[in-house]
C-alpha atoms as a PDB file:
ATOM      1  CA  MET A   1      -0.140   0.136  -0.071  1.00  0.00           C
ATOM      2  CA  ASN A   2       1.227   3.344  -1.119  1.00  0.00           C
ATOM      3  CA  PRO A   3       0.414   5.820   1.998  1.00  0.00           C
ATOM      4  CA  GLN A   4       1.472   9.152  -0.168  1.00  0.00           C
ATOM      5  CA  VAL A   5      -1.631   8.304  -2.452  1.00  0.00           C
ATOM      6  CA  TRP A   6      -3.991   9.007   0.769  1.00  0.00           C
ATOM      7  CA  LEU A   7      -1.760  11.878   2.005  1.00  0.00           C
ATOM      8  CA  ALA A   8      -1.995  13.694  -1.374  1.00  0.00           C
ATOM      9  CA  GLY A   9      -5.742  12.868  -1.558  1.00  0.00           C
ATOM     10  CA  LEU A  10      -6.014  14.438   1.863  1.00  0.00           C
ATOM     11  CA  ALA A  11      -3.675  17.539   1.483  1.00  0.00           C
ATOM     12  CA  THR A  12      -5.840  18.099  -2.224  1.00  0.00           C
ATOM     13  CA  ALA A  13      -8.947  18.029  -0.532  1.00  0.00           C
ATOM     14  CA  VAL A  14      -7.932  20.108   2.730  1.00  0.00           C
ATOM     15  CA  LEU A  15      -6.659  22.819   0.267  1.00  0.00           C
ATOM     16  CA  LEU A  16      -9.577  23.038  -2.013  1.00  0.00           C
ATOM     17  CA  PHE A  17     -12.014  23.655   0.826  1.00  0.00           C
ATOM     18  CA  GLN A  18      -9.527  26.184   2.230  1.00  0.00           C
ATOM     19  CA  LEU A  19      -9.350  28.065  -0.796  1.00  0.00           C
ATOM     20  CA  VAL A  20     -13.581  28.281  -1.081  1.00  0.00           C
ATOM     21  CA  SER A  21     -14.045  29.320   2.234  1.00  0.00           C
ATOM     22  CA  ILE A  22     -12.171  32.641   1.456  1.00  0.00           C
ATOM     23  CA  PRO A  23     -14.944  34.184  -0.752  1.00  0.00           C
ATOM     24  CA  ALA A  24     -17.669  32.100   1.169  1.00  0.00           C
ATOM     25  CA  LEU A  25     -16.600  33.502   4.509  1.00  0.00           C
ATOM     26  CA  LEU A  26     -16.303  37.352   2.848  1.00  0.00           C
ATOM     27  CA  PHE A  27     -19.637  37.476   0.811  1.00  0.00           C
ATOM     28  CA  ARG A  28     -21.499  34.946   3.541  1.00  0.00           C
ATOM     29  CA  LYS A  29     -22.317  32.138   1.004  1.00  0.00           C
ATOM     30  CA  ASN A  30     -21.518  29.015   2.405  1.00  0.00           C
ATOM     31  CA  ASP A  31     -23.307  27.001  -0.248  1.00  0.00           C
ATOM     32  CA  LEU A  32     -19.994  27.794  -2.227  1.00  0.00           C
ATOM     33  CA  ALA A  33     -19.066  24.673  -0.439  1.00  0.00           C
ATOM     34  CA  ASP A  34     -21.799  22.723  -2.085  1.00  0.00           C
ATOM     35  CA  VAL A  35     -20.192  23.629  -5.844  1.00  0.00           C
ATOM     36  CA  LEU A  36     -16.712  22.450  -4.704  1.00  0.00           C
ATOM     37  CA  TRP A  37     -18.221  19.412  -3.084  1.00  0.00           C
ATOM     38  CA  GLY A  38     -18.689  17.093  -6.383  1.00  0.00           C
ATOM     39  CA  PRO A  39     -15.489  18.352  -8.184  1.00  0.00           C
ATOM     40  CA  ALA A  40     -13.252  17.854  -5.132  1.00  0.00           C
ATOM     41  CA  PHE A  41     -13.717  14.012  -5.298  1.00  0.00           C
ATOM     42  CA  PRO A  42     -12.094  13.537  -8.850  1.00  0.00           C
ATOM     43  CA  LEU A  43      -9.479  16.559  -8.205  1.00  0.00           C
ATOM     44  CA  SER A  44      -8.416  14.796  -4.981  1.00  0.00           C
ATOM     45  CA  ALA A  45      -8.311  11.206  -7.077  1.00  0.00           C
ATOM     46  CA  PHE A  46      -6.022  12.780  -9.482  1.00  0.00           C
ATOM     47  CA  ALA A  47      -3.976  14.510  -7.454  1.00  0.00           C
ATOM     48  CA  ALA A  48      -3.368  11.309  -5.482  1.00  0.00           C
ATOM     49  CA  VAL A  49      -2.769   9.654  -9.070  1.00  0.00           C
ATOM     50  CA  LEU A  50      -0.378  12.562 -10.247  1.00  0.00           C
ATOM     51  CA  TRP A  51       1.678  13.178  -7.255  1.00  0.00           C
ATOM     52  CA  ALA A  52       2.006   9.701  -5.403  1.00  0.00           C
ATOM     53  CA  ARG A  53       1.444   7.183  -8.260  1.00  0.00           C
ATOM     54  CA  GLU A  54       4.130   5.671 -10.170  1.00  0.00           C
ATOM     55  CA  GLY A  55       3.240   5.652 -14.010  1.00  0.00           C
ATOM     56  CA  GLY A  56       0.680   8.174 -13.158  1.00  0.00           C
ATOM     57  CA  ILE A  57      -2.232   8.359 -15.258  1.00  0.00           C
ATOM     58  CA  THR A  58      -0.732   5.921 -18.081  1.00  0.00           C
ATOM     59  CA  GLY A  59       0.212   3.377 -15.508  1.00  0.00           C
ATOM     60  CA  LEU A  60      -3.402   2.759 -14.316  1.00  0.00           C
ATOM     61  CA  GLY A  61      -5.237  -0.491 -14.150  1.00  0.00           C
ATOM     62  CA  ALA A  62      -9.077  -1.332 -15.509  1.00  0.00           C
ATOM     63  CA  ARG A  63     -10.542  -1.167 -11.991  1.00  0.00           C
ATOM     64  CA  ASN A  64      -8.730   2.470 -11.284  1.00  0.00           C
ATOM     65  CA  ALA A  65      -9.408   3.582 -14.471  1.00  0.00           C
ATOM     66  CA  LEU A  66     -13.030   2.961 -14.357  1.00  0.00           C
ATOM     67  CA  LEU A  67     -13.200   4.125 -10.885  1.00  0.00           C
ATOM     68  CA  LEU A  68     -11.807   7.736 -12.065  1.00  0.00           C
ATOM     69  CA  ALA A  69     -14.246   7.952 -14.835  1.00  0.00           C
ATOM     70  CA  MET A  70     -17.337   6.756 -12.539  1.00  0.00           C
ATOM     71  CA  ILE A  71     -16.290   9.662  -9.954  1.00  0.00           C
ATOM     72  CA  SER A  72     -15.548  11.739 -12.616  1.00  0.00           C
ATOM     73  CA  LEU A  73     -18.933  11.440 -14.554  1.00  0.00           C
ATOM     74  CA  TRP A  74     -20.624  11.664 -11.016  1.00  0.00           C
ATOM     75  CA  ALA A  75     -19.105  14.762 -10.179  1.00  0.00           C
ATOM     76  CA  VAL A  76     -19.956  16.714 -13.618  1.00  0.00           C
ATOM     77  CA  ARG A  77     -23.395  15.478 -13.483  1.00  0.00           C
ATOM     78  CA  LEU A  78     -23.715  17.025  -9.635  1.00  0.00           C
ATOM     79  CA  PHE A  79     -21.949  20.322 -10.393  1.00  0.00           C
ATOM     80  CA  LEU A  80     -24.097  21.017 -13.616  1.00  0.00           C
ATOM     81  CA  HIS A  81     -27.107  20.230 -11.332  1.00  0.00           C
ATOM     82  CA  VAL A  82     -26.254  21.687  -7.895  1.00  0.00           C
ATOM     83  CA  GLY A  83     -22.755  23.752  -8.421  1.00  0.00           C
ATOM     84  CA  LEU A  84     -24.253  26.122 -11.343  1.00  0.00           C
ATOM     85  CA  ARG A  85     -27.426  26.821  -9.418  1.00  0.00           C
ATOM     86  CA  ASN A  86     -25.876  27.792  -6.463  1.00  0.00           C
ATOM     87  CA  LEU A  87     -23.260  29.926  -8.418  1.00  0.00           C
ATOM     88  CA  SER A  88     -26.353  31.712 -10.102  1.00  0.00           C
ATOM     89  CA  HIS A  89     -28.107  32.540  -6.975  1.00  0.00           C
ATOM     90  CA  ARG A  90     -27.286  35.607  -4.928  1.00  0.00           C
ATOM     91  CA  ALA A  91     -28.997  34.219  -1.935  1.00  0.00           C
ATOM     92  CA  GLU A  92     -27.214  31.827   0.205  1.00  0.00           C
ATOM     93  CA  ASP A  93     -29.011  28.279   0.348  1.00  0.00           C
ATOM     94  CA  VAL A  94     -31.905  27.759   3.000  1.00  0.00           C
ATOM     95  CA  ARG A  95     -29.675  25.327   4.631  1.00  0.00           C
ATOM     96  CA  TYR A  96     -26.998  27.081   5.286  1.00  0.00           C
ATOM     97  CA  ASN A  97     -28.908  30.476   6.021  1.00  0.00           C
ATOM     98  CA  ASN A  98     -30.733  28.444   8.797  1.00  0.00           C
ATOM     99  CA  TRP A  99     -27.124  27.450  10.152  1.00  0.00           C
ATOM    100  CA  ARG A 100     -25.882  31.192   9.843  1.00  0.00           C
ATOM    101  CA  LYS A 101     -28.862  31.952  12.147  1.00  0.00           C
ATOM    102  CA  GLU A 102     -28.524  29.024  14.720  1.00  0.00           C
ATOM    103  CA  TRP A 103     -24.999  29.612  15.378  1.00  0.00           C
ATOM    104  CA  GLY A 104     -25.642  33.894  15.733  1.00  0.00           C
ATOM    105  CA  LYS A 105     -22.289  35.310  16.816  1.00  0.00           C
ATOM    106  CA  THR A 106     -19.982  32.160  16.534  1.00  0.00           C
ATOM    107  CA  TRP A 107     -21.117  31.964  12.683  1.00  0.00           C
ATOM    108  CA  LEU A 108     -17.739  32.668  11.451  1.00  0.00           C
ATOM    109  CA  TRP A 109     -15.662  30.228  13.048  1.00  0.00           C
ATOM    110  CA  ARG A 110     -18.384  27.615  13.091  1.00  0.00           C
ATOM    111  CA  SER A 111     -18.787  28.020   9.358  1.00  0.00           C
ATOM    112  CA  TYR A 112     -15.203  27.888   8.674  1.00  0.00           C
ATOM    113  CA  LEU A 113     -14.662  24.683  11.012  1.00  0.00           C
ATOM    114  CA  GLN A 114     -17.753  22.891  10.381  1.00  0.00           C
ATOM    115  CA  VAL A 115     -18.461  23.931   6.521  1.00  0.00           C
ATOM    116  CA  PHE A 116     -14.779  24.127   5.371  1.00  0.00           C
ATOM    117  CA  VAL A 117     -12.895  21.962   7.571  1.00  0.00           C
ATOM    118  CA  LEU A 118     -15.152  19.322   8.717  1.00  0.00           C
ATOM    119  CA  GLN A 119     -16.333  18.420   4.954  1.00  0.00           C
ATOM    120  CA  ALA A 120     -12.428  18.131   3.988  1.00  0.00           C
ATOM    121  CA  PHE A 121     -12.273  14.932   5.916  1.00  0.00           C
ATOM    122  CA  ILE A 122     -15.808  13.901   5.347  1.00  0.00           C
ATOM    123  CA  LEU A 123     -14.904  13.960   1.741  1.00  0.00           C
ATOM    124  CA  TYR A 124     -11.664  12.000   2.172  1.00  0.00           C
ATOM    125  CA  LEU A 125     -13.629   9.356   4.701  1.00  0.00           C
ATOM    126  CA  PHE A 126     -16.198   9.036   1.448  1.00  0.00           C
ATOM    127  CA  LEU A 127     -13.365   8.898  -1.121  1.00  0.00           C
ATOM    128  CA  SER A 128     -11.744   6.115   1.032  1.00  0.00           C
ATOM    129  CA  PRO A 129     -12.527   3.519  -1.455  1.00  0.00           C
ATOM    130  CA  VAL A 130     -11.418   4.942  -4.319  1.00  0.00           C
ATOM    131  CA  LEU A 131      -8.029   5.746  -2.344  1.00  0.00           C
ATOM    132  CA  LEU A 132      -7.182   2.578  -1.300  1.00  0.00           C
ATOM    133  CA  ALA A 133      -7.772   0.743  -5.037  1.00  0.00           C
ATOM    134  CA  LEU A 134      -5.146   3.804  -6.344  1.00  0.00           C
ATOM    135  CA  SER A 135      -2.681   3.165  -3.470  1.00  0.00           C
ATOM    136  CA  LEU A 136      -2.252  -0.600  -4.494  1.00  0.00           C
ATOM    137  CA  SER A 137      -0.770  -2.545  -7.078  1.00  0.00           C
ATOM    138  CA  ASP A 138      -3.528  -2.854 -10.094  1.00  0.00           C
ATOM    139  CA  SER A 139      -5.158  -6.340 -10.250  1.00  0.00           C
ATOM    140  CA  ALA A 140      -7.942  -7.791 -12.628  1.00  0.00           C
ATOM    141  CA  PRO A 141     -11.482  -7.268 -11.632  1.00  0.00           C
ATOM    142  CA  GLY A 142     -13.083  -9.680 -10.155  1.00  0.00           C
ATOM    143  CA  VAL A 143     -16.906 -10.828  -9.924  1.00  0.00           C
ATOM    144  CA  LEU A 144     -17.667  -8.203  -7.258  1.00  0.00           C
ATOM    145  CA  CYS A 145     -15.890  -5.244  -9.071  1.00  0.00           C
ATOM    146  CA  TRP A 146     -18.108  -5.838 -12.153  1.00  0.00           C
ATOM    147  CA  ALA A 147     -21.205  -6.124  -9.870  1.00  0.00           C
ATOM    148  CA  GLY A 148     -20.274  -2.901  -8.176  1.00  0.00           C
ATOM    149  CA  ILE A 149     -20.121  -1.420 -11.685  1.00  0.00           C
ATOM    150  CA  LEU A 150     -23.624  -2.408 -12.381  1.00  0.00           C
ATOM    151  CA  VAL A 151     -24.945  -1.074  -8.823  1.00  0.00           C
ATOM    152  CA  TRP A 152     -23.360   2.132  -9.607  1.00  0.00           C
ATOM    153  CA  LEU A 153     -24.907   2.447 -13.150  1.00  0.00           C
ATOM    154  CA  SER A 154     -28.560   1.783 -11.650  1.00  0.00           C
ATOM    155  CA  GLY A 155     -27.789   4.546  -8.821  1.00  0.00           C
ATOM    156  CA  PHE A 156     -26.492   7.161 -11.348  1.00  0.00           C
ATOM    157  CA  LEU A 157     -29.640   6.233 -13.756  1.00  0.00           C
ATOM    158  CA  LEU A 158     -31.993   7.084 -10.633  1.00  0.00           C
ATOM    159  CA  GLU A 159     -30.492   9.889  -9.718  1.00  0.00           C
ATOM    160  CA  SER A 160     -30.325  11.366 -12.664  1.00  0.00           C
ATOM    161  CA  ILE A 161     -33.897  10.742 -14.020  1.00  0.00           C
ATOM    162  CA  ALA A 162     -35.349  11.915 -10.477  1.00  0.00           C
ATOM    163  CA  ASP A 163     -33.125  14.966 -10.822  1.00  0.00           C
ATOM    164  CA  GLU A 164     -34.358  15.574 -14.355  1.00  0.00           C
ATOM    165  CA  GLN A 165     -37.886  15.011 -13.743  1.00  0.00           C
ATOM    166  CA  LEU A 166     -38.118  17.451 -10.378  1.00  0.00           C
ATOM    167  CA  ARG A 167     -36.146  20.097 -12.732  1.00  0.00           C
ATOM    168  CA  ARG A 168     -38.752  19.973 -15.610  1.00  0.00           C
ATOM    169  CA  PHE A 169     -41.470  20.125 -12.689  1.00  0.00           C
ATOM    170  CA  LYS A 170     -40.301  23.455 -11.363  1.00  0.00           C
ATOM    171  CA  SER A 171     -39.708  24.647 -14.820  1.00  0.00           C
ATOM    172  CA  LYS A 172     -43.349  24.861 -15.191  1.00  0.00           C
ATOM    173  CA  PRO A 173     -44.973  28.130 -14.006  1.00  0.00           C
ATOM    174  CA  GLU A 174     -48.152  25.797 -12.875  1.00  0.00           C
ATOM    175  CA  SER A 175     -45.901  23.775 -10.536  1.00  0.00           C
ATOM    176  CA  LYS A 176     -45.327  26.619  -8.203  1.00  0.00           C
ATOM    177  CA  GLY A 177     -46.417  25.738  -4.457  1.00  0.00           C
ATOM    178  CA  LYS A 178     -47.465  22.217  -5.632  1.00  0.00           C
ATOM    179  CA  LEU A 179     -45.398  18.803  -4.658  1.00  0.00           C
ATOM    180  CA  MET A 180     -43.690  16.606  -7.332  1.00  0.00           C
ATOM    181  CA  THR A 181     -45.238  13.431  -6.544  1.00  0.00           C
ATOM    182  CA  THR A 182     -45.141  11.652 -10.168  1.00  0.00           C
ATOM    183  CA  GLY A 183     -42.494   9.381 -11.928  1.00  0.00           C
ATOM    184  CA  VAL A 184     -39.974   8.140  -9.687  1.00  0.00           C
ATOM    185  CA  TRP A 185     -41.146  10.316  -6.513  1.00  0.00           C
ATOM    186  CA  SER A 186     -44.420   8.391  -6.421  1.00  0.00           C
ATOM    187  CA  TRP A 187     -42.066   5.188  -5.598  1.00  0.00           C
ATOM    188  CA  SER A 188     -39.834   7.394  -3.283  1.00  0.00           C
ATOM    189  CA  ARG A 189     -40.047  11.029  -1.389  1.00  0.00           C
ATOM    190  CA  HIS A 190     -36.532  11.202  -2.024  1.00  0.00           C
ATOM    191  CA  PRO A 191     -35.135   9.214  -4.967  1.00  0.00           C
ATOM    192  CA  ASN A 192     -32.076  11.134  -5.794  1.00  0.00           C
ATOM    193  CA  TYR A 193     -31.165  10.834  -2.655  1.00  0.00           C
ATOM    194  CA  PHE A 194     -31.862   6.778  -2.722  1.00  0.00           C
ATOM    195  CA  GLY A 195     -29.644   6.801  -6.128  1.00  0.00           C
ATOM    196  CA  GLU A 196     -26.646   8.448  -4.620  1.00  0.00           C
ATOM    197  CA  VAL A 197     -26.588   5.993  -2.025  1.00  0.00           C
ATOM    198  CA  VAL A 198     -26.383   3.252  -3.923  1.00  0.00           C
ATOM    199  CA  GLN A 199     -23.523   4.734  -6.415  1.00  0.00           C
ATOM    200  CA  TRP A 200     -21.479   4.719  -3.195  1.00  0.00           C
ATOM    201  CA  TRP A 201     -22.345   1.138  -2.149  1.00  0.00           C
ATOM    202  CA  GLY A 202     -21.463   0.393  -6.250  1.00  0.00           C
ATOM    203  CA  ILE A 203     -17.834   2.604  -5.784  1.00  0.00           C
ATOM    204  CA  TRP A 204     -17.370   0.262  -2.211  1.00  0.00           C
ATOM    205  CA  LEU A 205     -18.092  -2.897  -3.776  1.00  0.00           C
ATOM    206  CA  MET A 206     -15.522  -2.279  -6.558  1.00  0.00           C
ATOM    207  CA  VAL A 207     -12.838  -2.517  -4.246  1.00  0.00           C
ATOM    208  CA  ALA A 208     -14.418  -4.835  -1.597  1.00  0.00           C
ATOM    209  CA  GLU A 209     -12.808  -7.884  -2.809  1.00  0.00           C
ATOM    210  CA  LEU A 210      -9.078  -6.067  -2.444  1.00  0.00           C
ATOM    211  CA  PRO A 211      -6.805  -6.355   0.641  1.00  0.00           C
ATOM    212  CA  TRP A 212      -8.464  -4.536   3.024  1.00  0.00           C
ATOM    213  CA  GLY A 213     -11.069  -3.360   1.144  1.00  0.00           C
ATOM    214  CA  TRP A 214     -13.989  -4.432   3.465  1.00  0.00           C
ATOM    215  CA  LEU A 215     -12.725  -1.389   5.976  1.00  0.00           C
ATOM    216  CA  THR A 216     -13.512   1.075   3.564  1.00  0.00           C
ATOM    217  CA  ALA A 217     -17.183   0.405   3.982  1.00  0.00           C
ATOM    218  CA  LEU A 218     -16.958   3.323   6.202  1.00  0.00           C
ATOM    219  CA  GLY A 219     -17.194   5.347   3.244  1.00  0.00           C
ATOM    220  CA  PRO A 220     -20.584   4.605   1.904  1.00  0.00           C
ATOM    221  CA  ILE A 221     -21.696   3.474   5.489  1.00  0.00           C
ATOM    222  CA  GLY A 222     -20.649   7.744   6.222  1.00  0.00           C
ATOM    223  CA  VAL A 223     -22.535   8.663   2.880  1.00  0.00           C
ATOM    224  CA  THR A 224     -25.572   6.735   4.019  1.00  0.00           C
ATOM    225  CA  TYR A 225     -25.820   7.934   7.460  1.00  0.00           C
ATOM    226  CA  LEU A 226     -25.181  11.979   6.403  1.00  0.00           C
ATOM    227  CA  ILE A 227     -27.861  11.768   3.658  1.00  0.00           C
ATOM    228  CA  LEU A 228     -30.606  10.072   5.978  1.00  0.00           C
ATOM    229  CA  LYS A 229     -30.233  11.938   8.998  1.00  0.00           C
ATOM    230  CA  VAL A 230     -27.825  15.252   8.763  1.00  0.00           C
ATOM    231  CA  SER A 231     -27.861  17.389   5.832  1.00  0.00           C
ATOM    232  CA  GLY A 232     -30.236  15.209   3.306  1.00  0.00           C
ATOM    233  CA  VAL A 233     -33.469  13.139   3.854  1.00  0.00           C
ATOM    234  CA  SER A 234     -34.176  14.591   7.828  1.00  0.00           C
ATOM    235  CA  MET A 235     -33.957  17.965   6.747  1.00  0.00           C
ATOM    236  CA  LEU A 236     -35.843  18.370   3.631  1.00  0.00           C
ATOM    237  CA  GLU A 237     -38.440  16.402   5.392  1.00  0.00           C
ATOM    238  CA  ASP A 238     -38.599  18.911   8.242  1.00  0.00           C
ATOM    239  CA  LEU A 239     -38.650  21.597   5.761  1.00  0.00           C
ATOM    240  CA  MET A 240     -41.246  20.186   3.908  1.00  0.00           C
ATOM    241  CA  LYS A 241     -43.603  18.758   6.419  1.00  0.00           C
ATOM    242  CA  ASN A 242     -45.907  21.746   6.873  1.00  0.00           C
ATOM    243  CA  ARG A 243     -46.591  21.681   2.817  1.00  0.00           C
ATOM    244  CA  PRO A 244     -49.938  21.614   1.763  1.00  0.00           C
ATOM    245  CA  GLY A 245     -50.829  17.650   0.650  1.00  0.00           C
ATOM    246  CA  TYR A 246     -47.457  16.219   2.183  1.00  0.00           C
ATOM    247  CA  ALA A 247     -48.701  14.218   4.751  1.00  0.00           C
ATOM    248  CA  ASP A 248     -50.851  12.704   1.950  1.00  0.00           C
ATOM    249  CA  TYR A 249     -48.048  12.030   0.215  1.00  0.00           C
ATOM    250  CA  CYS A 250     -46.085  10.655   2.855  1.00  0.00           C
ATOM    251  CA  ALA A 251     -48.670   8.387   3.467  1.00  0.00           C
ATOM    252  CA  ARG A 252     -48.793   6.627   0.145  1.00  0.00           C
ATOM    253  CA  THR A 253     -45.104   7.201  -0.803  1.00  0.00           C
ATOM    254  CA  SER A 254     -41.836   5.613   1.010  1.00  0.00           C
ATOM    255  CA  VAL A 255     -39.675   8.288   2.671  1.00  0.00           C
ATOM    256  CA  PHE A 256     -36.225   6.963   1.085  1.00  0.00           C
ATOM    257  CA  PHE A 257     -36.457   2.878  -0.350  1.00  0.00           C
ATOM    258  CA  PRO A 258     -38.592   2.699  -3.549  1.00  0.00           C
ATOM    259  CA  ARG A 259     -41.746   0.776  -3.790  1.00  0.00           C
ATOM    260  CA  PRO A 260     -44.985   0.973  -5.128  1.00  0.00           C
ATOM    261  CA  PRO A 261     -47.224   3.681  -4.045  1.00  0.00           C
ATOM    262  CA  ALA A 262     -49.889   2.470  -1.491  1.00  0.00           C
ATOM    263  CA  LYS A 263     -53.558   2.955  -2.398  1.00  0.00           C
END
């Protein structure tokens, strides 16, 4: 195992978030962290390859090349969906704005530590399956690796479809103030988040057959916990609970795992 790969990945993640923290704190727009979130994954991984791995990009085997391609595709789609939207909005995202109000006079140092320092280490944890694969000698993909690719693809397609359906719904003037309850959103109240979680479990499966690969399950476990309990499902459920019709939507639609809507 090459420890320099791990160090290069961590150093890059920390540096990227420190750079973004400067304009974010100056202009009170902490949601710039979300703009960076997606791109920071492949940037940290590619930095690890270029700085610490002998042979660089040209020396990658099939598994590692696929891992880099998959997290890059995920990052580009996320940036186009979330990053550009946050950049185009002058107002700070409601989640970060609510935190700013809760933190009161401590908002400056809590923003720096909780948003721009902690998130770099969270990213490092989530990226651990990829960094493990990059730090080891290349080996031919096995059954679990190919299964992981299929799992990742299913999650990527579900998240992409869910986001596009929601985007089209919100683009219609007659949808203002209404709930998106059709398409994949009739099977889950958060199909995009479910697809996100599935993708990271697919990434883990691709490296689970490697030495110490099972330990990197902490990555997808962390993703799942964050989305379910911290900044994803639980936060949106709290924001939406008083919306007209939401109680009926909850009664017939699964909160997370997709299933046919109840009659």
